[in-house]
Amino acid sequence: MIRAGLVLILALLCWVAPVLAGPVEWIEVPATDAGQQWWDRGSVRIDRDGYRTVLSRFTPAATDDEDQPSGELYVMQLDCSQELYRDKQVNGLPRFRAQWQPAGDDGLITSVIKAVCTEPLPS
């Protein structure tokens, strides 16, 4: 049982490792009533399916009920030609069956898609 747990932890670390390689340069998009969102310029890549991927960080807006809301990290996959996204990982945990979604009225997601899809790719 312990061996299976160690293998799972090692597999998750290997899954996240490519995202963490390289310098982190958080770029904030304009905040909305929903909160704040950043994307990491150093993580923008083209994946094996031909889509852009990026590490993103979201912090919801504070409410009267809580002091400082906790944020979440996402690895987003972007279909730039159709302006769609899906979250491939949330806080380092893979989402194997994530569905493509339009940004809709979500100004944070729309801003991330526009910024990342126009960002020059690393050579």
PDB file of N, CA and C in Angstrom:
ATOM      1  N   MET A   1       0.830  -1.186   0.000  1.00  0.00           N
ATOM      2  CA  MET A   1       0.000   0.000   0.000  1.00  0.00           C
ATOM      3  C   MET A   1       0.878   1.255   0.000  1.00  0.00           C
ATOM      4  N   ILE A   2       1.931   1.247   0.809  1.00  0.00           N
ATOM      5  CA  ILE A   2       2.826   2.409   0.862  1.00  0.00           C
ATOM      6  C   ILE A   2       3.529   2.587  -0.472  1.00  0.00           C
ATOM      7  N   ARG A   3       3.934   1.483  -1.067  1.00  0.00           N
ATOM      8  CA  ARG A   3       4.618   1.552  -2.366  1.00  0.00           C
ATOM      9  C   ARG A   3       3.697   2.184  -3.425  1.00  0.00           C
ATOM     10  N   ALA A   4       2.422   1.799  -3.443  1.00  0.00           N
ATOM     11  CA  ALA A   4       1.470   2.363  -4.413  1.00  0.00           C
ATOM     12  C   ALA A   4       1.310   3.862  -4.191  1.00  0.00           C
ATOM     13  N   GLY A   5       1.272   4.284  -2.928  1.00  0.00           N
ATOM     14  CA  GLY A   5       1.163   5.708  -2.615  1.00  0.00           C
ATOM     15  C   GLY A   5       2.382   6.484  -3.088  1.00  0.00           C
ATOM     16  N   LEU A   6       3.563   5.917  -2.892  1.00  0.00           N
ATOM     17  CA  LEU A   6       4.791   6.581  -3.341  1.00  0.00           C
ATOM     18  C   LEU A   6       4.842   6.689  -4.860  1.00  0.00           C
ATOM     19  N   VAL A   7       4.395   5.631  -5.535  1.00  0.00           N
ATOM     20  CA  VAL A   7       4.367   5.662  -7.006  1.00  0.00           C
ATOM     21  C   VAL A   7       3.409   6.743  -7.481  1.00  0.00           C
ATOM     22  N   LEU A   8       2.244   6.876  -6.841  1.00  0.00           N
ATOM     23  CA  LEU A   8       1.273   7.903  -7.217  1.00  0.00           C
ATOM     24  C   LEU A   8       1.847   9.300  -7.005  1.00  0.00           C
ATOM     25  N   ILE A   9       2.484   9.532  -5.875  1.00  0.00           N
ATOM     26  CA  ILE A   9       3.085  10.838  -5.597  1.00  0.00           C
ATOM     27  C   ILE A   9       4.177  11.147  -6.611  1.00  0.00           C
ATOM     28  N   LEU A  10       5.019  10.185  -6.909  1.00  0.00           N
ATOM     29  CA  LEU A  10       6.081  10.382  -7.900  1.00  0.00           C
ATOM     30  C   LEU A  10       5.497  10.686  -9.280  1.00  0.00           C
ATOM     31  N   ALA A  11       4.436   9.983  -9.652  1.00  0.00           N
ATOM     32  CA  ALA A  11       3.793  10.222 -10.951  1.00  0.00           C
ATOM     33  C   ALA A  11       3.218  11.634 -11.017  1.00  0.00           C
ATOM     34  N   LEU A  12       2.591  12.097  -9.937  1.00  0.00           N
ATOM     35  CA  LEU A  12       2.042  13.462  -9.917  1.00  0.00           C
ATOM     36  C   LEU A  12       3.147  14.500 -10.001  1.00  0.00           C
ATOM     37  N   LEU A  13       4.256  14.255  -9.313  1.00  0.00           N
ATOM     38  CA  LEU A  13       5.371  15.205  -9.385  1.00  0.00           C
ATOM     39  C   LEU A  13       5.952  15.263 -10.791  1.00  0.00           C
ATOM     40  N   CYS A  14       6.051  14.124 -11.448  1.00  0.00           N
ATOM     41  CA  CYS A  14       6.553  14.107 -12.826  1.00  0.00           C
ATOM     42  C   CYS A  14       5.589  14.812 -13.772  1.00  0.00           C
ATOM     43  N   TRP A  15       4.290  14.701 -13.505  1.00  0.00           N
ATOM     44  CA  TRP A  15       3.280  15.330 -14.342  1.00  0.00           C
ATOM     45  C   TRP A  15       3.377  16.847 -14.241  1.00  0.00           C
ATOM     46  N   VAL A  16       3.661  17.378 -13.057  1.00  0.00           N
ATOM     47  CA  VAL A  16       3.707  18.814 -12.823  1.00  0.00           C
ATOM     48  C   VAL A  16       5.068  19.397 -13.180  1.00  0.00           C
ATOM     49  N   ALA A  17       6.119  18.624 -13.135  1.00  0.00           N
ATOM     50  CA  ALA A  17       7.480  19.129 -13.309  1.00  0.00           C
ATOM     51  C   ALA A  17       7.691  19.971 -14.561  1.00  0.00           C
ATOM     52  N   PRO A  18       7.173  19.592 -15.747  1.00  0.00           N
ATOM     53  CA  PRO A  18       7.426  20.424 -16.925  1.00  0.00           C
ATOM     54  C   PRO A  18       6.862  21.837 -16.787  1.00  0.00           C
ATOM     55  N   VAL A  19       5.785  22.002 -16.045  1.00  0.00           N
ATOM     56  CA  VAL A  19       5.191  23.319 -15.860  1.00  0.00           C
ATOM     57  C   VAL A  19       6.093  24.186 -14.990  1.00  0.00           C
ATOM     58  N   LEU A  20       6.775  23.585 -14.046  1.00  0.00           N
ATOM     59  CA  LEU A  20       7.580  24.343 -13.109  1.00  0.00           C
ATOM     60  C   LEU A  20       8.974  24.658 -13.630  1.00  0.00           C
ATOM     61  N   ALA A  21       9.354  24.086 -14.757  1.00  0.00           N
ATOM     62  CA  ALA A  21      10.684  24.323 -15.306  1.00  0.00           C
ATOM     63  C   ALA A  21      10.726  25.696 -15.967  1.00  0.00           C
ATOM     64  N   GLY A  22      11.689  26.483 -15.607  1.00  0.00           N
ATOM     65  CA  GLY A  22      11.833  27.803 -16.225  1.00  0.00           C
ATOM     66  C   GLY A  22      11.434  28.914 -15.277  1.00  0.00           C
ATOM     67  N   PRO A  23      11.768  30.141 -15.646  1.00  0.00           N
ATOM     68  CA  PRO A  23      11.477  31.277 -14.784  1.00  0.00           C
ATOM     69  C   PRO A  23       9.970  31.568 -14.744  1.00  0.00           C
ATOM     70  N   VAL A  24       9.510  32.046 -13.600  1.00  0.00           N
ATOM     71  CA  VAL A  24       8.105  32.415 -13.446  1.00  0.00           C
ATOM     72  C   VAL A  24       7.989  33.925 -13.586  1.00  0.00           C
ATOM     73  N   GLU A  25       7.122  34.352 -14.493  1.00  0.00           N
ATOM     74  CA  GLU A  25       6.872  35.778 -14.692  1.00  0.00           C
ATOM     75  C   GLU A  25       5.354  35.967 -14.757  1.00  0.00           C
ATOM     76  N   TRP A  26       4.761  36.258 -13.589  1.00  0.00           N
ATOM     77  CA  TRP A  26       3.314  36.400 -13.516  1.00  0.00           C
ATOM     78  C   TRP A  26       2.873  37.701 -14.170  1.00  0.00           C
ATOM     79  N   ILE A  27       1.901  37.597 -15.079  1.00  0.00           N
ATOM     80  CA  ILE A  27       1.311  38.743 -15.747  1.00  0.00           C
ATOM     81  C   ILE A  27      -0.154  38.808 -15.305  1.00  0.00           C
ATOM     82  N   GLU A  28      -0.538  39.902 -14.665  1.00  0.00           N
ATOM     83  CA  GLU A  28      -1.915  40.041 -14.195  1.00  0.00           C
ATOM     84  C   GLU A  28      -2.799  40.584 -15.306  1.00  0.00           C
ATOM     85  N   VAL A  29      -3.987  40.002 -15.445  1.00  0.00           N
ATOM     86  CA  VAL A  29      -4.983  40.547 -16.367  1.00  0.00           C
ATOM     87  C   VAL A  29      -5.888  41.471 -15.552  1.00  0.00           C
ATOM     88  N   PRO A  30      -6.652  42.346 -16.209  1.00  0.00           N
ATOM     89  CA  PRO A  30      -7.516  43.258 -15.455  1.00  0.00           C
ATOM     90  C   PRO A  30      -8.468  42.500 -14.527  1.00  0.00           C
ATOM     91  N   ALA A  31      -8.498  42.911 -13.267  1.00  0.00           N
ATOM     92  CA  ALA A  31      -9.353  42.268 -12.263  1.00  0.00           C
ATOM     93  C   ALA A  31     -10.826  42.515 -12.596  1.00  0.00           C
ATOM     94  N   THR A  32     -11.666  41.615 -12.129  1.00  0.00           N
ATOM     95  CA  THR A  32     -13.120  41.767 -12.262  1.00  0.00           C
ATOM     96  C   THR A  32     -13.739  41.596 -10.878  1.00  0.00           C
ATOM     97  N   ASP A  33     -15.052  41.670 -10.822  1.00  0.00           N
ATOM     98  CA  ASP A  33     -15.749  41.443  -9.549  1.00  0.00           C
ATOM     99  C   ASP A  33     -15.520  40.025  -9.039  1.00  0.00           C
ATOM    100  N   ALA A  34     -15.172  39.096  -9.941  1.00  0.00           N
ATOM    101  CA  ALA A  34     -14.932  37.697  -9.551  1.00  0.00           C
ATOM    102  C   ALA A  34     -13.605  37.530  -8.819  1.00  0.00           C
ATOM    103  N   GLY A  35     -12.637  38.414  -9.106  1.00  0.00           N
ATOM    104  CA  GLY A  35     -11.336  38.299  -8.453  1.00  0.00           C
ATOM    105  C   GLY A  35     -10.209  38.741  -9.361  1.00  0.00           C
ATOM    106  N   GLN A  36      -9.049  38.109  -9.159  1.00  0.00           N
ATOM    107  CA  GLN A  36      -7.846  38.439  -9.916  1.00  0.00           C
ATOM    108  C   GLN A  36      -7.300  37.175 -10.566  1.00  0.00           C
ATOM    109  N   GLN A  37      -6.655  37.362 -11.721  1.00  0.00           N
ATOM    110  CA  GLN A  37      -6.040  36.226 -12.407  1.00  0.00           C
ATOM    111  C   GLN A  37      -4.728  36.667 -13.036  1.00  0.00           C
ATOM    112  N   TRP A  38      -3.765  35.735 -12.999  1.00  0.00           N
ATOM    113  CA  TRP A  38      -2.448  35.940 -13.578  1.00  0.00           C
ATOM    114  C   TRP A  38      -2.132  34.761 -14.478  1.00  0.00           C
ATOM    115  N   TRP A  39      -1.248  34.965 -15.440  1.00  0.00           N
ATOM    116  CA  TRP A  39      -0.708  33.871 -16.245  1.00  0.00           C
ATOM    117  C   TRP A  39       0.802  34.019 -16.232  1.00  0.00           C
ATOM    118  N   ASP A  40       1.487  32.888 -16.374  1.00  0.00           N
ATOM    119  CA  ASP A  40       2.945  32.854 -16.304  1.00  0.00           C
ATOM    120  C   ASP A  40       3.541  32.867 -17.699  1.00  0.00           C
ATOM    121  N   ARG A  41       4.205  33.955 -18.045  1.00  0.00           N
ATOM    122  CA  ARG A  41       4.812  34.102 -19.370  1.00  0.00           C
ATOM    123  C   ARG A  41       5.815  32.983 -19.657  1.00  0.00           C
ATOM    124  N   GLY A  42       6.552  32.542 -18.657  1.00  0.00           N
ATOM    125  CA  GLY A  42       7.572  31.510 -18.845  1.00  0.00           C
ATOM    126  C   GLY A  42       7.019  30.123 -19.093  1.00  0.00           C
ATOM    127  N   SER A  43       5.712  29.932 -18.905  1.00  0.00           N
ATOM    128  CA  SER A  43       5.134  28.596 -19.069  1.00  0.00           C
ATOM    129  C   SER A  43       4.384  28.415 -20.387  1.00  0.00           C
ATOM    130  N   VAL A  44       4.279  29.441 -21.208  1.00  0.00           N
ATOM    131  CA  VAL A  44       3.521  29.341 -22.461  1.00  0.00           C
ATOM    132  C   VAL A  44       4.245  28.386 -23.415  1.00  0.00           C
ATOM    133  N   ARG A  45       3.521  27.377 -23.871  1.00  0.00           N
ATOM    134  CA  ARG A  45       4.085  26.354 -24.760  1.00  0.00           C
ATOM    135  C   ARG A  45       3.023  25.889 -25.754  1.00  0.00           C
ATOM    136  N   ILE A  46       3.465  25.221 -26.794  1.00  0.00           N
ATOM    137  CA  ILE A  46       2.577  24.474 -27.686  1.00  0.00           C
ATOM    138  C   ILE A  46       2.681  23.014 -27.264  1.00  0.00           C
ATOM    139  N   ASP A  47       1.538  22.384 -26.990  1.00  0.00           N
ATOM    140  CA  ASP A  47       1.580  20.986 -26.553  1.00  0.00           C
ATOM    141  C   ASP A  47       1.560  20.045 -27.753  1.00  0.00           C
ATOM    142  N   ARG A  48       1.584  18.759 -27.481  1.00  0.00           N
ATOM    143  CA  ARG A  48       1.667  17.764 -28.559  1.00  0.00           C
ATOM    144  C   ARG A  48       0.417  17.732 -29.433  1.00  0.00           C
ATOM    145  N   ASP A  49      -0.677  18.327 -28.952  1.00  0.00           N
ATOM    146  CA  ASP A  49      -1.909  18.396 -29.742  1.00  0.00           C
ATOM    147  C   ASP A  49      -1.985  19.684 -30.567  1.00  0.00           C
ATOM    148  N   GLY A  50      -0.983  20.558 -30.431  1.00  0.00           N
ATOM    149  CA  GLY A  50      -0.957  21.802 -31.188  1.00  0.00           C
ATOM    150  C   GLY A  50      -1.647  22.976 -30.516  1.00  0.00           C
ATOM    151  N   TYR A  51      -2.036  22.810 -29.248  1.00  0.00           N
ATOM    152  CA  TYR A  51      -2.688  23.882 -28.502  1.00  0.00           C
ATOM    153  C   TYR A  51      -1.684  24.583 -27.594  1.00  0.00           C
ATOM    154  N   ARG A  52      -1.979  25.803 -27.240  1.00  0.00           N
ATOM    155  CA  ARG A  52      -1.133  26.499 -26.271  1.00  0.00           C
ATOM    156  C   ARG A  52      -1.519  26.058 -24.869  1.00  0.00           C
ATOM    157  N   THR A  53      -0.510  25.957 -24.003  1.00  0.00           N
ATOM    158  CA  THR A  53      -0.759  25.693 -22.598  1.00  0.00           C
ATOM    159  C   THR A  53      -0.090  26.789 -21.789  1.00  0.00           C
ATOM    160  N   VAL A  54      -0.633  27.044 -20.597  1.00  0.00           N
ATOM    161  CA  VAL A  54      -0.106  28.092 -19.741  1.00  0.00           C
ATOM    162  C   VAL A  54      -0.462  27.789 -18.291  1.00  0.00           C
ATOM    163  N   LEU A  55       0.423  28.174 -17.388  1.00  0.00           N
ATOM    164  CA  LEU A  55       0.143  28.095 -15.965  1.00  0.00           C
ATOM    165  C   LEU A  55      -0.563  29.383 -15.572  1.00  0.00           C
ATOM    166  N   SER A  56      -1.691  29.255 -14.891  1.00  0.00           N
ATOM    167  CA  SER A  56      -2.498  30.403 -14.504  1.00  0.00           C
ATOM    168  C   SER A  56      -2.806  30.330 -13.012  1.00  0.00           C
ATOM    169  N   ARG A  57      -2.994  31.492 -12.424  1.00  0.00           N
ATOM    170  CA  ARG A  57      -3.292  31.585 -10.982  1.00  0.00           C
ATOM    171  C   ARG A  57      -4.528  32.450 -10.809  1.00  0.00           C
ATOM    172  N   PHE A  58      -5.512  31.971 -10.057  1.00  0.00           N
ATOM    173  CA  PHE A  58      -6.753  32.698  -9.807  1.00  0.00           C
ATOM    174  C   PHE A  58      -6.962  32.871  -8.323  1.00  0.00           C
ATOM    175  N   THR A  59      -7.315  34.081  -7.915  1.00  0.00           N
ATOM    176  CA  THR A  59      -7.693  34.363  -6.533  1.00  0.00           C
ATOM    177  C   THR A  59      -9.058  35.027  -6.557  1.00  0.00           C
ATOM    178  N   PRO A  60     -10.067  34.394  -5.932  1.00  0.00           N
ATOM    179  CA  PRO A  60     -11.402  34.999  -5.933  1.00  0.00           C
ATOM    180  C   PRO A  60     -11.421  36.288  -5.119  1.00  0.00           C
ATOM    181  N   ALA A  61     -12.383  37.140  -5.432  1.00  0.00           N
ATOM    182  CA  ALA A  61     -12.540  38.392  -4.683  1.00  0.00           C
ATOM    183  C   ALA A  61     -12.913  38.071  -3.242  1.00  0.00           C
ATOM    184  N   ALA A  62     -12.429  38.882  -2.336  1.00  0.00           N
ATOM    185  CA  ALA A  62     -12.742  38.696  -0.916  1.00  0.00           C
ATOM    186  C   ALA A  62     -14.226  38.983  -0.681  1.00  0.00           C
ATOM    187  N   THR A  63     -14.799  38.232   0.241  1.00  0.00           N
ATOM    188  CA  THR A  63     -16.189  38.470   0.649  1.00  0.00           C
ATOM    189  C   THR A  63     -16.188  38.907   2.101  1.00  0.00           C
ATOM    190  N   ASP A  64     -17.337  39.326   2.581  1.00  0.00           N
ATOM    191  CA  ASP A  64     -17.441  39.748   3.978  1.00  0.00           C
ATOM    192  C   ASP A  64     -17.223  38.586   4.938  1.00  0.00           C
ATOM    193  N   ASP A  65     -17.431  37.352   4.452  1.00  0.00           N
ATOM    194  CA  ASP A  65     -17.334  36.161   5.297  1.00  0.00           C
ATOM    195  C   ASP A  65     -15.909  35.683   5.540  1.00  0.00           C
ATOM    196  N   GLU A  66     -14.972  36.087   4.717  1.00  0.00           N
ATOM    197  CA  GLU A  66     -13.612  35.569   4.857  1.00  0.00           C
ATOM    198  C   GLU A  66     -12.598  36.696   4.726  1.00  0.00           C
ATOM    199  N   ASP A  67     -11.438  36.488   5.334  1.00  0.00           N
ATOM    200  CA  ASP A  67     -10.388  37.503   5.294  1.00  0.00           C
ATOM    201  C   ASP A  67      -9.725  37.536   3.923  1.00  0.00           C
ATOM    202  N   GLN A  68      -8.920  36.548   3.636  1.00  0.00           N
ATOM    203  CA  GLN A  68      -8.198  36.478   2.362  1.00  0.00           C
ATOM    204  C   GLN A  68      -8.519  35.147   1.706  1.00  0.00           C
ATOM    205  N   PRO A  69      -9.218  35.172   0.576  1.00  0.00           N
ATOM    206  CA  PRO A  69      -9.529  33.898  -0.080  1.00  0.00           C
ATOM    207  C   PRO A  69      -8.264  33.233  -0.604  1.00  0.00           C
ATOM    208  N   SER A  70      -8.284  31.904  -0.604  1.00  0.00           N
ATOM    209  CA  SER A  70      -7.130  31.184  -1.144  1.00  0.00           C
ATOM    210  C   SER A  70      -7.276  31.071  -2.654  1.00  0.00           C
ATOM    211  N   GLY A  71      -6.151  31.068  -3.333  1.00  0.00           N
ATOM    212  CA  GLY A  71      -6.155  30.971  -4.790  1.00  0.00           C
ATOM    213  C   GLY A  71      -5.917  29.560  -5.254  1.00  0.00           C
ATOM    214  N   GLU A  72      -6.016  29.379  -6.564  1.00  0.00           N
ATOM    215  CA  GLU A  72      -5.777  28.081  -7.161  1.00  0.00           C
ATOM    216  C   GLU A  72      -4.876  28.249  -8.380  1.00  0.00           C
ATOM    217  N   LEU A  73      -4.108  27.198  -8.663  1.00  0.00           N
ATOM    218  CA  LEU A  73      -3.243  27.154  -9.845  1.00  0.00           C
ATOM    219  C   LEU A  73      -3.868  26.234 -10.882  1.00  0.00           C
ATOM    220  N   TYR A  74      -3.823  26.665 -12.125  1.00  0.00           N
ATOM    221  CA  TYR A  74      -4.391  25.902 -13.225  1.00  0.00           C
ATOM    222  C   TYR A  74      -3.351  25.747 -14.321  1.00  0.00           C
ATOM    223  N   VAL A  75      -3.337  24.600 -14.973  1.00  0.00           N
ATOM    224  CA  VAL A  75      -2.661  24.465 -16.251  1.00  0.00           C
ATOM    225  C   VAL A  75      -3.787  24.477 -17.268  1.00  0.00           C
ATOM    226  N   MET A  76      -3.826  25.547 -18.057  1.00  0.00           N
ATOM    227  CA  MET A  76      -4.889  25.729 -19.030  1.00  0.00           C
ATOM    228  C   MET A  76      -4.394  25.331 -20.419  1.00  0.00           C
ATOM    229  N   GLN A  77      -5.254  24.690 -21.167  1.00  0.00           N
ATOM    230  CA  GLN A  77      -4.998  24.390 -22.566  1.00  0.00           C
ATOM    231  C   GLN A  77      -5.923  25.301 -23.359  1.00  0.00           C
ATOM    232  N   LEU A  78      -5.368  26.011 -24.350  1.00  0.00           N
ATOM    233  CA  LEU A  78      -6.127  27.013 -25.089  1.00  0.00           C
ATOM    234  C   LEU A  78      -6.210  26.670 -26.568  1.00  0.00           C
ATOM    235  N   ASP A  79      -7.415  26.723 -27.100  1.00  0.00           N
ATOM    236  CA  ASP A  79      -7.637  26.617 -28.540  1.00  0.00           C
ATOM    237  C   ASP A  79      -7.814  28.057 -29.019  1.00  0.00           C
ATOM    238  N   CYS A  80      -6.732  28.664 -29.465  1.00  0.00           N
ATOM    239  CA  CYS A  80      -6.731  30.081 -29.807  1.00  0.00           C
ATOM    240  C   CYS A  80      -7.647  30.402 -30.979  1.00  0.00           C
ATOM    241  N   SER A  81      -7.738  29.516 -31.959  1.00  0.00           N
ATOM    242  CA  SER A  81      -8.546  29.810 -33.144  1.00  0.00           C
ATOM    243  C   SER A  81     -10.040  29.858 -32.822  1.00  0.00           C
ATOM    244  N   GLN A  82     -10.474  29.106 -31.810  1.00  0.00           N
ATOM    245  CA  GLN A  82     -11.889  29.091 -31.442  1.00  0.00           C
ATOM    246  C   GLN A  82     -12.160  29.811 -30.123  1.00  0.00           C
ATOM    247  N   GLU A  83     -11.107  30.321 -29.496  1.00  0.00           N
ATOM    248  CA  GLU A  83     -11.211  31.008 -28.199  1.00  0.00           C
ATOM    249  C   GLU A  83     -11.894  30.128 -27.146  1.00  0.00           C
ATOM    250  N   LEU A  84     -11.382  28.885 -27.037  1.00  0.00           N
ATOM    251  CA  LEU A  84     -11.867  27.925 -26.051  1.00  0.00           C
ATOM    252  C   LEU A  84     -10.739  27.592 -25.086  1.00  0.00           C
ATOM    253  N   TYR A  85     -11.110  27.073 -23.906  1.00  0.00           N
ATOM    254  CA  TYR A  85     -10.109  26.656 -22.928  1.00  0.00           C
ATOM    255  C   TYR A  85     -10.608  25.425 -22.195  1.00  0.00           C
ATOM    256  N   ARG A  86      -9.654  24.721 -21.587  1.00  0.00           N
ATOM    257  CA  ARG A  86      -9.987  23.672 -20.630  1.00  0.00           C
ATOM    258  C   ARG A  86      -8.860  23.596 -19.624  1.00  0.00           C
ATOM    259  N   ASP A  87      -9.226  23.282 -18.401  1.00  0.00           N
ATOM    260  CA  ASP A  87      -8.254  23.174 -17.319  1.00  0.00           C
ATOM    261  C   ASP A  87      -7.733  21.753 -17.269  1.00  0.00           C
ATOM    262  N   LYS A  88      -6.464  21.574 -17.650  1.00  0.00           N
ATOM    263  CA  LYS A  88      -5.848  20.249 -17.664  1.00  0.00           C
ATOM    264  C   LYS A  88      -5.390  19.819 -16.271  1.00  0.00           C
ATOM    265  N   GLN A  89      -5.084  20.797 -15.413  1.00  0.00           N
ATOM    266  CA  GLN A  89      -4.700  20.509 -14.025  1.00  0.00           C
ATOM    267  C   GLN A  89      -5.250  21.621 -13.148  1.00  0.00           C
ATOM    268  N   VAL A  90      -5.643  21.244 -11.935  1.00  0.00           N
ATOM    269  CA  VAL A  90      -6.047  22.222 -10.925  1.00  0.00           C
ATOM    270  C   VAL A  90      -5.261  21.904  -9.666  1.00  0.00           C
ATOM    271  N   ASN A  91      -4.457  22.865  -9.229  1.00  0.00           N
ATOM    272  CA  ASN A  91      -3.589  22.686  -8.054  1.00  0.00           C
ATOM    273  C   ASN A  91      -2.732  21.428  -8.159  1.00  0.00           C
ATOM    274  N   GLY A  92      -2.245  21.157  -9.362  1.00  0.00           N
ATOM    275  CA  GLY A  92      -1.343  20.031  -9.587  1.00  0.00           C
ATOM    276  C   GLY A  92      -2.018  18.700  -9.823  1.00  0.00           C
ATOM    277  N   LEU A  93      -3.346  18.645  -9.721  1.00  0.00           N
ATOM    278  CA  LEU A  93      -4.065  17.390  -9.930  1.00  0.00           C
ATOM    279  C   LEU A  93      -4.626  17.358 -11.351  1.00  0.00           C
ATOM    280  N   PRO A  94      -4.320  16.321 -12.113  1.00  0.00           N
ATOM    281  CA  PRO A  94      -4.776  16.243 -13.499  1.00  0.00           C
ATOM    282  C   PRO A  94      -6.299  16.129 -13.599  1.00  0.00           C
ATOM    283  N   ARG A  95      -6.846  16.715 -14.646  1.00  0.00           N
ATOM    284  CA  ARG A  95      -8.267  16.587 -14.993  1.00  0.00           C
ATOM    285  C   ARG A  95      -8.299  15.925 -16.360  1.00  0.00           C
ATOM    286  N   PHE A  96      -8.364  14.601 -16.359  1.00  0.00           N
ATOM    287  CA  PHE A  96      -8.213  13.816 -17.577  1.00  0.00           C
ATOM    288  C   PHE A  96      -9.343  14.013 -18.586  1.00  0.00           C
ATOM    289  N   ARG A  97     -10.525  14.284 -18.133  1.00  0.00           N
ATOM    290  CA  ARG A  97     -11.665  14.413 -19.053  1.00  0.00           C
ATOM    291  C   ARG A  97     -12.208  15.837 -19.093  1.00  0.00           C
ATOM    292  N   ALA A  98     -11.324  16.805 -18.961  1.00  0.00           N
ATOM    293  CA  ALA A  98     -11.749  18.203 -19.002  1.00  0.00           C
ATOM    294  C   ALA A  98     -12.362  18.521 -20.364  1.00  0.00           C
ATOM    295  N   GLN A  99     -13.463  19.224 -20.351  1.00  0.00           N
ATOM    296  CA  GLN A  99     -14.177  19.579 -21.569  1.00  0.00           C
ATOM    297  C   GLN A  99     -13.808  20.987 -22.023  1.00  0.00           C
ATOM    298  N   TRP A 100     -13.801  21.209 -23.328  1.00  0.00           N
ATOM    299  CA  TRP A 100     -13.570  22.542 -23.866  1.00  0.00           C
ATOM    300  C   TRP A 100     -14.738  23.436 -23.484  1.00  0.00           C
ATOM    301  N   GLN A 101     -14.413  24.681 -23.134  1.00  0.00           N
ATOM    302  CA  GLN A 101     -15.433  25.645 -22.730  1.00  0.00           C
ATOM    303  C   GLN A 101     -15.150  26.992 -23.373  1.00  0.00           C
ATOM    304  N   PRO A 102     -16.215  27.728 -23.728  1.00  0.00           N
ATOM    305  CA  PRO A 102     -16.004  29.103 -24.167  1.00  0.00           C
ATOM    306  C   PRO A 102     -15.810  29.981 -22.933  1.00  0.00           C
ATOM    307  N   ALA A 103     -15.110  31.086 -23.090  1.00  0.00           N
ATOM    308  CA  ALA A 103     -14.920  32.001 -21.959  1.00  0.00           C
ATOM    309  C   ALA A 103     -16.234  32.647 -21.549  1.00  0.00           C
ATOM    310  N   GLY A 104     -17.158  32.790 -22.490  1.00  0.00           N
ATOM    311  CA  GLY A 104     -18.445  33.404 -22.175  1.00  0.00           C
ATOM    312  C   GLY A 104     -18.268  34.827 -21.669  1.00  0.00           C
ATOM    313  N   ASP A 105     -18.933  35.137 -20.575  1.00  0.00           N
ATOM    314  CA  ASP A 105     -18.860  36.481 -19.994  1.00  0.00           C
ATOM    315  C   ASP A 105     -17.771  36.590 -18.931  1.00  0.00           C
ATOM    316  N   ASP A 106     -16.899  35.597 -18.835  1.00  0.00           N
ATOM    317  CA  ASP A 106     -15.833  35.621 -17.833  1.00  0.00           C
ATOM    318  C   ASP A 106     -14.678  36.478 -18.350  1.00  0.00           C
ATOM    319  N   GLY A 107     -14.620  37.715 -17.866  1.00  0.00           N
ATOM    320  CA  GLY A 107     -13.598  38.652 -18.325  1.00  0.00           C
ATOM    321  C   GLY A 107     -12.182  38.204 -18.019  1.00  0.00           C
ATOM    322  N   LEU A 108     -11.988  37.479 -16.921  1.00  0.00           N
ATOM    323  CA  LEU A 108     -10.646  37.003 -16.562  1.00  0.00           C
ATOM    324  C   LEU A 108     -10.158  35.980 -17.584  1.00  0.00           C
ATOM    325  N   ILE A 109     -11.005  35.001 -17.887  1.00  0.00           N
ATOM    326  CA  ILE A 109     -10.613  33.959 -18.848  1.00  0.00           C
ATOM    327  C   ILE A 109     -10.414  34.572 -20.230  1.00  0.00           C
ATOM    328  N   THR A 110     -11.314  35.447 -20.631  1.00  0.00           N
ATOM    329  CA  THR A 110     -11.190  36.106 -21.934  1.00  0.00           C
ATOM    330  C   THR A 110      -9.860  36.836 -22.038  1.00  0.00           C
ATOM    331  N   SER A 111      -9.488  37.556 -20.987  1.00  0.00           N
ATOM    332  CA  SER A 111      -8.222  38.297 -20.994  1.00  0.00           C
ATOM    333  C   SER A 111      -7.023  37.366 -21.065  1.00  0.00           C
ATOM    334  N   VAL A 112      -7.077  36.250 -20.340  1.00  0.00           N
ATOM    335  CA  VAL A 112      -5.970  35.287 -20.375  1.00  0.00           C
ATOM    336  C   VAL A 112      -5.842  34.701 -21.782  1.00  0.00           C
ATOM    337  N   ILE A 113      -6.956  34.298 -22.373  1.00  0.00           N
ATOM    338  CA  ILE A 113      -6.909  33.712 -23.718  1.00  0.00           C
ATOM    339  C   ILE A 113      -6.304  34.706 -24.706  1.00  0.00           C
ATOM    340  N   LYS A 114      -6.782  35.936 -24.698  1.00  0.00           N
ATOM    341  CA  LYS A 114      -6.272  36.942 -25.642  1.00  0.00           C
ATOM    342  C   LYS A 114      -4.778  37.188 -25.437  1.00  0.00           C
ATOM    343  N   ALA A 115      -4.357  37.321 -24.177  1.00  0.00           N
ATOM    344  CA  ALA A 115      -2.946  37.617 -23.894  1.00  0.00           C
ATOM    345  C   ALA A 115      -2.047  36.442 -24.277  1.00  0.00           C
ATOM    346  N   VAL A 116      -2.421  35.249 -23.869  1.00  0.00           N
ATOM    347  CA  VAL A 116      -1.572  34.074 -24.118  1.00  0.00           C
ATOM    348  C   VAL A 116      -1.525  33.730 -25.607  1.00  0.00           C
ATOM    349  N   CYS A 117      -2.647  33.885 -26.297  1.00  0.00           N
ATOM    350  CA  CYS A 117      -2.699  33.530 -27.718  1.00  0.00           C
ATOM    351  C   CYS A 117      -1.924  34.522 -28.595  1.00  0.00           C
ATOM    352  N   THR A 118      -1.637  35.699 -28.080  1.00  0.00           N
ATOM    353  CA  THR A 118      -0.833  36.656 -28.848  1.00  0.00           C
ATOM    354  C   THR A 118       0.613  36.727 -28.353  1.00  0.00           C
ATOM    355  N   GLU A 119       0.924  35.997 -27.297  1.00  0.00           N
ATOM    356  CA  GLU A 119       2.278  35.973 -26.739  1.00  0.00           C
ATOM    357  C   GLU A 119       3.210  35.216 -27.680  1.00  0.00           C
ATOM    358  N   PRO A 120       4.366  35.794 -28.029  1.00  0.00           N
ATOM    359  CA  PRO A 120       5.330  35.045 -28.841  1.00  0.00           C
ATOM    360  C   PRO A 120       5.794  33.792 -28.102  1.00  0.00           C
ATOM    361  N   LEU A 121       5.948  32.714 -28.838  1.00  0.00           N
ATOM    362  CA  LEU A 121       6.390  31.460 -28.237  1.00  0.00           C
ATOM    363  C   LEU A 121       7.907  31.480 -28.052  1.00  0.00           C
ATOM    364  N   PRO A 122       8.384  30.788 -27.005  1.00  0.00           N
ATOM    365  CA  PRO A 122       9.837  30.722 -26.813  1.00  0.00           C
ATOM    366  C   PRO A 122      10.503  29.976 -27.979  1.00  0.00           C
ATOM    367  N   SER A 123      11.703  30.396 -28.329  1.00  0.00           N
ATOM    368  CA  SER A 123      12.370  29.727 -29.451  1.00  0.00           C
ATOM    369  C   SER A 123      13.154  28.529 -29.005  1.00  0.00           C
TER     370      SER A 123
END
